[in-house]
Amino acid sequence: MSLPDPLLRLIEELQRLPGIGPKGAQRLAFHLLKTPREHTDRLVDAVRDVKERVTYCSVCNNITDADPCAYCLSVDRDRHVICVVEEPQNVTAIERTREFKGVYHVLMGALSPLQGIGPDDLKIKGLLTRVTNGVREIILATNPNVEGEATAIYLARLLKPLGVKVTRIAMGVPVGSDLEYADEITMHKALEGRREV
């Protein structure tokens, strides 16, 4: 016996979500099926609301429901320091530290020639425009992987001739781990980024 068409369609759509395979999609679909109507209505309303009201900041490309975003509008933020990240969720990770007081620029990805993502596919032009407005430092906070490193190197080559200080977030051994489990690249980055205590 096959499943009803609406349920099959829901399973197919759920499979399009990142990290959701066929079994996970089926489990979610059956969960939604037995959930009270008012709960599923709230979920549908929340998804619709996100699609209708959430957009990207015209200044920094972060997600927002008001343009420009709260970070770009804040008078408490140092506009002379820009932290460059790959994706909007990276802003949240940095904000959790409560240490960074500057503004952000979201690239919306990283350079990846194998996936066909080049410099023109990223939000680099807006960053270059912002640098001309008295920016003192650009902090490159791209991911510590091949694509993130390539993006950081590319941006550093573009930005340094503009007379702005370009820095890279530190990388190395995570707090709470053992040195014996660190690979050679992680140890190299840790030694390279050492500082005086």
N, C-alpha and C. Protein backbone atom coordinates (compact mmCIF):
# COMPACT_ATOMS: atom_id res chain seq x y z
N MET A 1 0.83 -1.18 0.00
CA MET A 1 0.00 0.00 0.00
C MET A 1 0.88 1.25 0.00
N SER A 2 0.62 2.15 -0.93
CA SER A 2 1.43 3.35 -1.00
C SER A 2 0.84 4.45 -0.12
N LEU A 3 1.63 5.45 0.16
CA LEU A 3 1.20 6.56 1.00
C LEU A 3 0.34 7.53 0.20
N PRO A 4 -0.53 8.27 0.85
CA PRO A 4 -1.34 9.27 0.15
C PRO A 4 -0.44 10.32 -0.53
N ASP A 5 -0.88 10.84 -1.66
CA ASP A 5 -0.09 11.80 -2.42
C ASP A 5 0.35 13.03 -1.62
N PRO A 6 -0.54 13.65 -0.83
CA PRO A 6 -0.08 14.81 -0.05
C PRO A 6 1.07 14.48 0.91
N LEU A 7 1.02 13.30 1.51
CA LEU A 7 2.07 12.89 2.42
C LEU A 7 3.37 12.63 1.66
N LEU A 8 3.28 11.99 0.49
CA LEU A 8 4.47 11.78 -0.34
C LEU A 8 5.09 13.10 -0.76
N ARG A 9 4.24 14.06 -1.11
CA ARG A 9 4.74 15.38 -1.51
C ARG A 9 5.47 16.06 -0.35
N LEU A 10 4.91 15.97 0.86
CA LEU A 10 5.55 16.54 2.04
C LEU A 10 6.90 15.89 2.28
N ILE A 11 6.97 14.58 2.16
CA ILE A 11 8.24 13.86 2.36
C ILE A 11 9.27 14.33 1.33
N GLU A 12 8.85 14.46 0.08
CA GLU A 12 9.77 14.93 -0.97
C GLU A 12 10.29 16.33 -0.67
N GLU A 13 9.42 17.21 -0.22
CA GLU A 13 9.83 18.59 0.08
C GLU A 13 10.76 18.65 1.29
N LEU A 14 10.48 17.83 2.32
CA LEU A 14 11.33 17.81 3.50
C LEU A 14 12.73 17.29 3.18
N GLN A 15 12.83 16.38 2.20
CA GLN A 15 14.13 15.85 1.80
C GLN A 15 15.01 16.91 1.17
N ARG A 16 14.43 17.99 0.69
CA ARG A 16 15.21 19.07 0.09
C ARG A 16 15.96 19.90 1.13
N LEU A 17 15.56 19.77 2.40
CA LEU A 17 16.23 20.50 3.47
C LEU A 17 17.60 19.91 3.73
N PRO A 18 18.60 20.74 4.07
CA PRO A 18 19.95 20.22 4.33
C PRO A 18 19.97 19.28 5.53
N GLY A 19 20.65 18.16 5.38
CA GLY A 19 20.79 17.19 6.46
C GLY A 19 19.60 16.28 6.66
N ILE A 20 18.59 16.38 5.81
CA ILE A 20 17.40 15.54 5.94
C ILE A 20 17.39 14.52 4.79
N GLY A 21 17.53 13.27 5.15
CA GLY A 21 17.48 12.21 4.15
C GLY A 21 16.07 11.64 4.05
N PRO A 22 15.90 10.58 3.26
CA PRO A 22 14.57 9.99 3.07
C PRO A 22 13.91 9.53 4.37
N LYS A 23 14.67 8.86 5.23
CA LYS A 23 14.09 8.36 6.48
C LYS A 23 13.75 9.50 7.43
N GLY A 24 14.63 10.48 7.54
CA GLY A 24 14.37 11.63 8.39
C GLY A 24 13.16 12.41 7.91
N ALA A 25 13.04 12.56 6.58
CA ALA A 25 11.89 13.27 6.01
C ALA A 25 10.60 12.53 6.31
N GLN A 26 10.64 11.22 6.19
CA GLN A 26 9.45 10.42 6.47
C GLN A 26 9.07 10.53 7.95
N ARG A 27 10.08 10.48 8.83
CA ARG A 27 9.82 10.60 10.27
C ARG A 27 9.19 11.97 10.59
N LEU A 28 9.73 13.04 10.00
CA LEU A 28 9.17 14.37 10.22
C LEU A 28 7.75 14.48 9.68
N ALA A 29 7.52 13.92 8.50
CA ALA A 29 6.19 13.99 7.88
C ALA A 29 5.16 13.28 8.75
N PHE A 30 5.49 12.11 9.26
CA PHE A 30 4.55 11.39 10.12
C PHE A 30 4.34 12.11 11.45
N HIS A 31 5.40 12.76 11.94
CA HIS A 31 5.26 13.55 13.16
C HIS A 31 4.28 14.71 12.93
N LEU A 32 4.45 15.41 11.81
CA LEU A 32 3.55 16.52 11.48
C LEU A 32 2.11 16.03 11.29
N LEU A 33 1.97 14.85 10.74
CA LEU A 33 0.65 14.29 10.51
C LEU A 33 -0.11 14.07 11.82
N LYS A 34 0.58 13.61 12.86
CA LYS A 34 -0.11 13.34 14.12
C LYS A 34 -0.08 14.52 15.09
N THR A 35 0.59 15.60 14.73
CA THR A 35 0.64 16.81 15.56
C THR A 35 -0.70 17.55 15.45
N PRO A 36 -1.18 18.14 16.54
CA PRO A 36 -2.43 18.92 16.46
C PRO A 36 -2.35 20.03 15.40
N ARG A 37 -3.46 20.29 14.76
CA ARG A 37 -3.55 21.24 13.66
C ARG A 37 -2.98 22.62 14.02
N GLU A 38 -3.27 23.10 15.24
CA GLU A 38 -2.79 24.44 15.62
C GLU A 38 -1.26 24.51 15.67
N HIS A 39 -0.60 23.41 16.01
CA HIS A 39 0.87 23.39 16.02
C HIS A 39 1.42 23.45 14.61
N THR A 40 0.84 22.68 13.72
CA THR A 40 1.33 22.72 12.32
C THR A 40 1.00 24.06 11.67
N ASP A 41 -0.14 24.65 12.03
CA ASP A 41 -0.47 25.98 11.50
C ASP A 41 0.56 27.01 11.93
N ARG A 42 1.02 26.91 13.19
CA ARG A 42 2.05 27.84 13.67
C ARG A 42 3.35 27.64 12.91
N LEU A 43 3.70 26.39 12.62
CA LEU A 43 4.90 26.11 11.83
C LEU A 43 4.78 26.70 10.43
N VAL A 44 3.65 26.48 9.78
CA VAL A 44 3.42 27.01 8.44
C VAL A 44 3.49 28.54 8.46
N ASP A 45 2.88 29.16 9.46
CA ASP A 45 2.91 30.62 9.59
C ASP A 45 4.33 31.13 9.80
N ALA A 46 5.11 30.42 10.62
CA ALA A 46 6.49 30.84 10.88
C ALA A 46 7.34 30.77 9.61
N VAL A 47 7.18 29.70 8.84
CA VAL A 47 7.93 29.57 7.57
C VAL A 47 7.51 30.68 6.61
N ARG A 48 6.22 30.92 6.49
CA ARG A 48 5.73 31.97 5.60
C ARG A 48 6.25 33.34 6.04
N ASP A 49 6.21 33.59 7.35
CA ASP A 49 6.66 34.86 7.91
C ASP A 49 8.14 35.12 7.61
N VAL A 50 8.95 34.08 7.74
CA VAL A 50 10.38 34.21 7.43
C VAL A 50 10.58 34.57 5.97
N LYS A 51 9.86 33.89 5.09
CA LYS A 51 10.01 34.15 3.66
C LYS A 51 9.51 35.54 3.26
N GLU A 52 8.51 36.05 3.96
CA GLU A 52 7.94 37.35 3.62
C GLU A 52 8.65 38.52 4.28
N ARG A 53 9.19 38.33 5.49
CA ARG A 53 9.71 39.47 6.25
C ARG A 53 11.22 39.52 6.41
N VAL A 54 11.91 38.39 6.33
CA VAL A 54 13.35 38.39 6.54
C VAL A 54 14.05 38.59 5.20
N THR A 55 15.01 39.51 5.21
CA THR A 55 15.74 39.85 3.99
C THR A 55 17.22 40.01 4.34
N TYR A 56 17.99 40.54 3.43
CA TYR A 56 19.41 40.77 3.65
C TYR A 56 19.68 42.26 3.77
N CYS A 57 20.52 42.63 4.71
CA CYS A 57 20.89 44.02 4.93
C CYS A 57 21.58 44.57 3.68
N SER A 58 21.19 45.74 3.25
CA SER A 58 21.77 46.35 2.05
C SER A 58 23.20 46.85 2.29
N VAL A 59 23.63 46.91 3.55
CA VAL A 59 24.98 47.37 3.87
C VAL A 59 25.92 46.18 4.06
N CYS A 60 25.55 45.25 4.96
CA CYS A 60 26.47 44.18 5.35
C CYS A 60 26.07 42.78 4.87
N ASN A 61 24.88 42.63 4.31
CA ASN A 61 24.36 41.35 3.81
C ASN A 61 23.92 40.38 4.89
N ASN A 62 23.86 40.82 6.15
CA ASN A 62 23.38 39.94 7.21
C ASN A 62 21.86 39.81 7.09
N ILE A 63 21.30 38.77 7.67
CA ILE A 63 19.84 38.62 7.65
C ILE A 63 19.22 39.62 8.61
N THR A 64 18.06 40.13 8.22
CA THR A 64 17.40 41.15 9.03
C THR A 64 15.93 41.24 8.67
N ASP A 65 15.14 41.80 9.57
CA ASP A 65 13.75 42.08 9.23
C ASP A 65 13.53 43.59 9.07
N ALA A 66 14.63 44.36 9.17
CA ALA A 66 14.61 45.80 8.92
C ALA A 66 15.91 46.18 8.22
N ASP A 67 15.82 46.97 7.17
CA ASP A 67 17.01 47.32 6.40
C ASP A 67 17.32 48.80 6.57
N PRO A 68 18.53 49.14 6.99
CA PRO A 68 19.66 48.31 7.36
C PRO A 68 19.43 47.57 8.69
N CYS A 69 20.31 46.60 8.93
CA CYS A 69 20.16 45.74 10.11
C CYS A 69 20.53 46.49 11.39
N ALA A 70 20.25 45.88 12.52
CA ALA A 70 20.50 46.49 13.83
C ALA A 70 21.98 46.77 14.05
N TYR A 71 22.87 45.91 13.55
CA TYR A 71 24.32 46.13 13.72
C TYR A 71 24.76 47.37 12.95
N CYS A 72 24.28 47.52 11.74
CA CYS A 72 24.67 48.66 10.91
C CYS A 72 24.07 49.97 11.43
N LEU A 73 22.93 49.91 12.07
CA LEU A 73 22.28 51.11 12.61
C LEU A 73 22.80 51.51 13.99
N SER A 74 23.36 50.59 14.72
CA SER A 74 23.76 50.84 16.10
C SER A 74 24.83 51.92 16.21
N VAL A 75 24.58 52.89 17.10
CA VAL A 75 25.57 53.95 17.34
C VAL A 75 26.68 53.45 18.27
N ASP A 76 26.46 52.32 18.91
CA ASP A 76 27.46 51.76 19.83
C ASP A 76 28.52 50.92 19.11
N ARG A 77 28.34 50.68 17.83
CA ARG A 77 29.28 49.85 17.07
C ARG A 77 30.39 50.70 16.45
N ASP A 78 31.60 50.15 16.44
CA ASP A 78 32.75 50.82 15.83
C ASP A 78 32.77 50.54 14.33
N ARG A 79 32.41 51.52 13.52
CA ARG A 79 32.33 51.36 12.08
C ARG A 79 33.71 51.33 11.40
N HIS A 80 34.75 51.54 12.20
CA HIS A 80 36.10 51.53 11.65
C HIS A 80 36.71 50.13 11.66
N VAL A 81 35.98 49.16 12.22
CA VAL A 81 36.44 47.76 12.26
C VAL A 81 35.34 46.89 11.67
N ILE A 82 35.69 46.15 10.61
CA ILE A 82 34.72 45.26 9.96
C ILE A 82 35.20 43.82 10.08
N CYS A 83 34.32 42.97 10.57
CA CYS A 83 34.60 41.54 10.64
C CYS A 83 33.92 40.87 9.44
N VAL A 84 34.71 40.23 8.61
CA VAL A 84 34.20 39.59 7.40
C VAL A 84 33.97 38.10 7.68
N VAL A 85 32.73 37.65 7.45
CA VAL A 85 32.36 36.25 7.66
C VAL A 85 31.75 35.68 6.38
N GLU A 86 31.65 34.36 6.33
CA GLU A 86 31.11 33.70 5.14
C GLU A 86 29.58 33.74 5.09
N GLU A 87 28.94 33.43 6.19
CA GLU A 87 27.47 33.27 6.21
C GLU A 87 26.85 34.02 7.39
N PRO A 88 25.56 34.36 7.30
CA PRO A 88 24.91 35.08 8.40
C PRO A 88 25.00 34.35 9.75
N GLN A 89 24.97 33.04 9.76
CA GLN A 89 25.05 32.32 11.04
C GLN A 89 26.40 32.51 11.73
N ASN A 90 27.43 32.90 10.97
CA ASN A 90 28.74 33.18 11.57
C ASN A 90 28.69 34.44 12.43
N VAL A 91 27.85 35.40 12.08
CA VAL A 91 27.67 36.61 12.88
C VAL A 91 27.18 36.22 14.27
N THR A 92 26.22 35.33 14.32
CA THR A 92 25.67 34.87 15.60
C THR A 92 26.75 34.24 16.46
N ALA A 93 27.61 33.43 15.85
CA ALA A 93 28.69 32.77 16.59
C ALA A 93 29.64 33.80 17.20
N ILE A 94 29.97 34.83 16.46
CA ILE A 94 30.88 35.87 16.97
C ILE A 94 30.18 36.70 18.04
N GLU A 95 28.93 37.02 17.84
CA GLU A 95 28.18 37.82 18.82
C GLU A 95 28.05 37.10 20.16
N ARG A 96 28.01 35.78 20.15
CA ARG A 96 27.90 35.03 21.42
C ARG A 96 29.09 35.29 22.34
N THR A 97 30.23 35.68 21.78
CA THR A 97 31.41 35.95 22.60
C THR A 97 31.27 37.26 23.38
N ARG A 98 30.43 38.16 22.91
CA ARG A 98 30.23 39.50 23.49
C ARG A 98 31.52 40.31 23.51
N GLU A 99 32.47 39.98 22.66
CA GLU A 99 33.76 40.66 22.62
C GLU A 99 33.89 41.63 21.45
N PHE A 100 33.29 41.32 20.33
CA PHE A 100 33.46 42.13 19.13
C PHE A 100 32.49 43.31 19.15
N LYS A 101 33.01 44.51 18.95
CA LYS A 101 32.19 45.72 19.02
C LYS A 101 32.14 46.46 17.68
N GLY A 102 32.68 45.87 16.63
CA GLY A 102 32.66 46.50 15.32
C GLY A 102 31.41 46.12 14.54
N VAL A 103 31.49 46.23 13.22
CA VAL A 103 30.38 45.86 12.34
C VAL A 103 30.80 44.66 11.50
N TYR A 104 29.87 44.16 10.72
CA TYR A 104 30.10 42.94 9.96
C TYR A 104 29.97 43.15 8.46
N HIS A 105 30.54 42.19 7.73
CA HIS A 105 30.28 42.08 6.29
C HIS A 105 30.17 40.59 5.98
N VAL A 106 29.03 40.18 5.44
CA VAL A 106 28.78 38.78 5.13
C VAL A 106 29.01 38.55 3.64
N LEU A 107 29.90 37.63 3.32
CA LEU A 107 30.25 37.35 1.92
C LEU A 107 29.22 36.50 1.20
N MET A 108 28.40 35.77 1.94
CA MET A 108 27.42 34.83 1.39
C MET A 108 28.11 33.67 0.67
N GLY A 109 29.17 33.17 1.28
CA GLY A 109 29.86 32.01 0.75
C GLY A 109 31.37 32.17 0.83
N ALA A 110 32.06 31.24 0.19
CA ALA A 110 33.52 31.27 0.14
C ALA A 110 33.95 30.82 -1.25
N LEU A 111 35.15 31.22 -1.63
CA LEU A 111 35.67 30.82 -2.93
C LEU A 111 35.79 29.30 -3.00
N SER A 112 35.27 28.73 -4.07
CA SER A 112 35.33 27.28 -4.25
C SER A 112 35.29 26.97 -5.74
N PRO A 113 36.45 26.99 -6.40
CA PRO A 113 36.48 26.73 -7.84
C PRO A 113 35.85 25.40 -8.23
N LEU A 114 35.97 24.38 -7.38
CA LEU A 114 35.40 23.08 -7.69
C LEU A 114 33.88 23.12 -7.75
N GLN A 115 33.27 24.03 -6.99
CA GLN A 115 31.82 24.19 -7.01
C GLN A 115 31.39 25.35 -7.90
N GLY A 116 32.35 25.94 -8.60
CA GLY A 116 32.04 27.03 -9.51
C GLY A 116 31.77 28.35 -8.83
N ILE A 117 32.27 28.53 -7.60
CA ILE A 117 32.07 29.79 -6.88
C ILE A 117 33.34 30.62 -6.96
N GLY A 118 33.26 31.71 -7.69
CA GLY A 118 34.39 32.61 -7.87
C GLY A 118 34.15 33.93 -7.16
N PRO A 119 35.08 34.88 -7.27
CA PRO A 119 34.96 36.18 -6.60
C PRO A 119 33.68 36.94 -6.96
N ASP A 120 33.22 36.83 -8.18
CA ASP A 120 32.01 37.55 -8.60
C ASP A 120 30.74 36.99 -7.96
N ASP A 121 30.81 35.78 -7.42
CA ASP A 121 29.66 35.16 -6.77
C ASP A 121 29.53 35.56 -5.30
N LEU A 122 30.55 36.23 -4.77
CA LEU A 122 30.54 36.65 -3.37
C LEU A 122 30.27 38.15 -3.28
N LYS A 123 29.90 38.61 -2.10
CA LYS A 123 29.59 40.03 -1.86
C LYS A 123 30.86 40.79 -1.49
N ILE A 124 31.80 40.85 -2.44
CA ILE A 124 33.09 41.49 -2.21
C ILE A 124 33.06 42.97 -2.58
N LYS A 125 32.35 43.33 -3.63
CA LYS A 125 32.32 44.73 -4.09
C LYS A 125 31.83 45.67 -3.00
N GLY A 126 30.80 45.26 -2.27
CA GLY A 126 30.28 46.09 -1.18
C GLY A 126 31.31 46.29 -0.09
N LEU A 127 32.12 45.26 0.19
CA LEU A 127 33.18 45.37 1.18
C LEU A 127 34.21 46.40 0.74
N LEU A 128 34.62 46.33 -0.52
CA LEU A 128 35.62 47.27 -1.04
C LEU A 128 35.10 48.70 -0.97
N THR A 129 33.82 48.89 -1.21
CA THR A 129 33.21 50.22 -1.11
C THR A 129 33.24 50.72 0.34
N ARG A 130 32.95 49.85 1.27
CA ARG A 130 32.92 50.22 2.69
C ARG A 130 34.30 50.58 3.22
N VAL A 131 35.35 49.96 2.68
CA VAL A 131 36.71 50.21 3.15
C VAL A 131 37.12 51.66 2.90
N THR A 132 36.60 52.27 1.85
CA THR A 132 36.97 53.65 1.52
C THR A 132 36.38 54.67 2.48
N ASN A 133 35.52 54.24 3.40
CA ASN A 133 34.87 55.16 4.34
C ASN A 133 35.57 55.19 5.71
N GLY A 134 36.88 55.22 5.72
CA GLY A 134 37.63 55.37 6.98
C GLY A 134 37.80 54.12 7.81
N VAL A 135 37.69 52.96 7.22
CA VAL A 135 37.86 51.71 7.97
C VAL A 135 39.34 51.53 8.31
N ARG A 136 39.63 51.21 9.59
CA ARG A 136 41.01 50.99 10.04
C ARG A 136 41.44 49.54 9.93
N GLU A 137 40.50 48.61 10.22
CA GLU A 137 40.87 47.19 10.27
C GLU A 137 39.77 46.33 9.69
N ILE A 138 40.21 45.32 8.94
CA ILE A 138 39.32 44.27 8.44
C ILE A 138 39.77 42.97 9.10
N ILE A 139 38.86 42.33 9.81
CA ILE A 139 39.15 41.04 10.44
C ILE A 139 38.56 39.96 9.55
N LEU A 140 39.39 39.09 9.04
CA LEU A 140 38.93 38.00 8.18
C LEU A 140 38.59 36.80 9.06
N ALA A 141 37.31 36.52 9.19
CA ALA A 141 36.83 35.43 10.05
C ALA A 141 36.16 34.36 9.20
N THR A 142 36.83 33.98 8.11
CA THR A 142 36.31 32.90 7.28
C THR A 142 36.65 31.57 7.93
N ASN A 143 35.97 30.52 7.52
CA ASN A 143 36.16 29.21 8.13
C ASN A 143 37.58 28.68 7.93
N PRO A 144 38.08 27.91 8.90
CA PRO A 144 39.43 27.36 8.80
C PRO A 144 39.48 26.08 7.95
N ASN A 145 39.00 26.19 6.72
CA ASN A 145 39.08 25.08 5.78
C ASN A 145 39.70 25.60 4.48
N VAL A 146 39.84 24.76 3.49
CA VAL A 146 40.52 25.14 2.25
C VAL A 146 39.83 26.35 1.60
N GLU A 147 38.51 26.31 1.52
CA GLU A 147 37.77 27.40 0.88
C GLU A 147 37.89 28.69 1.68
N GLY A 148 37.78 28.59 3.01
CA GLY A 148 37.90 29.77 3.87
C GLY A 148 39.28 30.39 3.81
N GLU A 149 40.30 29.54 3.80
CA GLU A 149 41.68 30.04 3.71
C GLU A 149 41.92 30.73 2.36
N ALA A 150 41.44 30.11 1.28
CA ALA A 150 41.59 30.71 -0.05
C ALA A 150 40.89 32.05 -0.12
N THR A 151 39.71 32.14 0.48
CA THR A 151 38.95 33.38 0.49
C THR A 151 39.69 34.45 1.29
N ALA A 152 40.24 34.08 2.44
CA ALA A 152 40.98 35.03 3.28
C ALA A 152 42.21 35.56 2.54
N ILE A 153 42.94 34.68 1.89
CA ILE A 153 44.14 35.10 1.14
C ILE A 153 43.76 36.03 -0.01
N TYR A 154 42.70 35.68 -0.72
CA TYR A 154 42.24 36.50 -1.83
C TYR A 154 41.85 37.90 -1.34
N LEU A 155 41.07 37.96 -0.25
CA LEU A 155 40.63 39.24 0.29
C LEU A 155 41.81 40.07 0.80
N ALA A 156 42.76 39.42 1.46
CA ALA A 156 43.93 40.13 1.97
C ALA A 156 44.69 40.79 0.82
N ARG A 157 44.83 40.10 -0.29
CA ARG A 157 45.53 40.66 -1.46
C ARG A 157 44.77 41.84 -2.05
N LEU A 158 43.45 41.81 -1.98
CA LEU A 158 42.64 42.93 -2.48
C LEU A 158 42.67 44.12 -1.53
N LEU A 159 42.66 43.85 -0.23
CA LEU A 159 42.47 44.91 0.76
C LEU A 159 43.76 45.62 1.17
N LYS A 160 44.86 44.91 1.27
CA LYS A 160 46.11 45.51 1.75
C LYS A 160 46.54 46.72 0.93
N PRO A 161 46.44 46.69 -0.40
CA PRO A 161 46.83 47.87 -1.18
C PRO A 161 45.96 49.10 -0.89
N LEU A 162 44.82 48.92 -0.25
CA LEU A 162 43.93 50.04 0.07
C LEU A 162 44.34 50.75 1.36
N GLY A 163 45.41 50.26 2.00
CA GLY A 163 45.94 50.92 3.20
C GLY A 163 45.21 50.59 4.48
N VAL A 164 44.47 49.51 4.49
CA VAL A 164 43.74 49.11 5.69
C VAL A 164 44.47 47.94 6.34
N LYS A 165 44.42 47.88 7.67
CA LYS A 165 45.02 46.77 8.41
C LYS A 165 44.15 45.54 8.19
N VAL A 166 44.74 44.44 7.76
CA VAL A 166 44.00 43.20 7.52
C VAL A 166 44.52 42.15 8.49
N THR A 167 43.60 41.59 9.31
CA THR A 167 43.97 40.56 10.27
C THR A 167 43.13 39.31 10.03
N ARG A 168 43.61 38.20 10.57
CA ARG A 168 42.91 36.92 10.44
C ARG A 168 42.65 36.39 11.84
N ILE A 169 41.46 35.80 12.06
CA ILE A 169 41.19 35.23 13.38
C ILE A 169 42.21 34.14 13.68
N ALA A 170 42.53 33.97 14.95
CA ALA A 170 43.49 32.94 15.36
C ALA A 170 42.87 31.56 15.22
N MET A 171 43.72 30.60 14.94
CA MET A 171 43.28 29.21 14.82
C MET A 171 44.28 28.33 15.54
N GLY A 172 43.86 27.16 15.92
CA GLY A 172 44.77 26.25 16.58
C GLY A 172 44.05 25.25 17.44
N VAL A 173 44.69 24.87 18.53
CA VAL A 173 44.17 23.84 19.41
C VAL A 173 42.97 24.38 20.20
N PRO A 174 41.82 23.71 20.13
CA PRO A 174 40.65 24.19 20.87
C PRO A 174 40.81 23.99 22.38
N VAL A 175 40.18 24.88 23.13
CA VAL A 175 40.21 24.79 24.60
C VAL A 175 39.54 23.49 25.03
N GLY A 176 40.17 22.80 25.97
CA GLY A 176 39.60 21.57 26.50
C GLY A 176 40.04 20.31 25.78
N SER A 177 40.89 20.45 24.76
CA SER A 177 41.34 19.25 24.04
C SER A 177 42.75 18.87 24.48
N ASP A 178 43.21 17.72 24.02
CA ASP A 178 44.55 17.25 24.33
C ASP A 178 45.44 17.43 23.11
N LEU A 179 46.68 17.85 23.34
CA LEU A 179 47.63 18.07 22.24
C LEU A 179 47.88 16.80 21.43
N GLU A 180 47.84 15.65 22.09
CA GLU A 180 48.14 14.41 21.39
C GLU A 180 47.14 14.11 20.26
N TYR A 181 45.95 14.71 20.32
CA TYR A 181 44.93 14.46 19.30
C TYR A 181 44.91 15.52 18.20
N ALA A 182 45.72 16.54 18.32
CA ALA A 182 45.74 17.62 17.32
C ALA A 182 46.53 17.16 16.09
N ASP A 183 45.98 17.43 14.91
CA ASP A 183 46.69 17.08 13.68
C ASP A 183 47.79 18.11 13.42
N GLU A 184 48.64 17.84 12.42
CA GLU A 184 49.80 18.70 12.18
C GLU A 184 49.43 20.10 11.70
N ILE A 185 48.35 20.23 10.96
CA ILE A 185 47.94 21.56 10.48
C ILE A 185 47.43 22.40 11.65
N THR A 186 46.64 21.78 12.52
CA THR A 186 46.14 22.49 13.70
C THR A 186 47.30 22.93 14.59
N MET A 187 48.26 22.05 14.80
CA MET A 187 49.43 22.40 15.63
C MET A 187 50.25 23.51 14.96
N HIS A 188 50.38 23.45 13.65
CA HIS A 188 51.12 24.49 12.91
C HIS A 188 50.44 25.84 13.12
N LYS A 189 49.11 25.88 12.98
CA LYS A 189 48.35 27.13 13.16
C LYS A 189 48.47 27.62 14.61
N ALA A 190 48.45 26.69 15.57
CA ALA A 190 48.56 27.07 16.97
C ALA A 190 49.92 27.69 17.27
N LEU A 191 50.98 27.10 16.74
CA LEU A 191 52.32 27.65 16.94
C LEU A 191 52.49 28.99 16.22
N GLU A 192 51.96 29.06 15.03
CA GLU A 192 52.04 30.29 14.23
C GLU A 192 51.30 31.45 14.90
N GLY A 193 50.16 31.15 15.55
CA GLY A 193 49.35 32.20 16.17
C GLY A 193 49.63 32.41 17.64
N ARG A 194 50.78 31.92 18.13
CA ARG A 194 51.07 32.06 19.55
C ARG A 194 51.26 33.54 19.91
N ARG A 195 51.03 33.83 21.20
CA ARG A 195 51.20 35.20 21.69
C ARG A 195 51.85 35.19 23.06
N GLU A 196 52.39 36.32 23.43
CA GLU A 196 53.08 36.44 24.70
C GLU A 196 52.06 36.45 25.85
N VAL A 197 52.43 35.79 26.97
CA VAL A 197 51.54 35.77 28.14
C VAL A 197 52.17 36.49 29.31
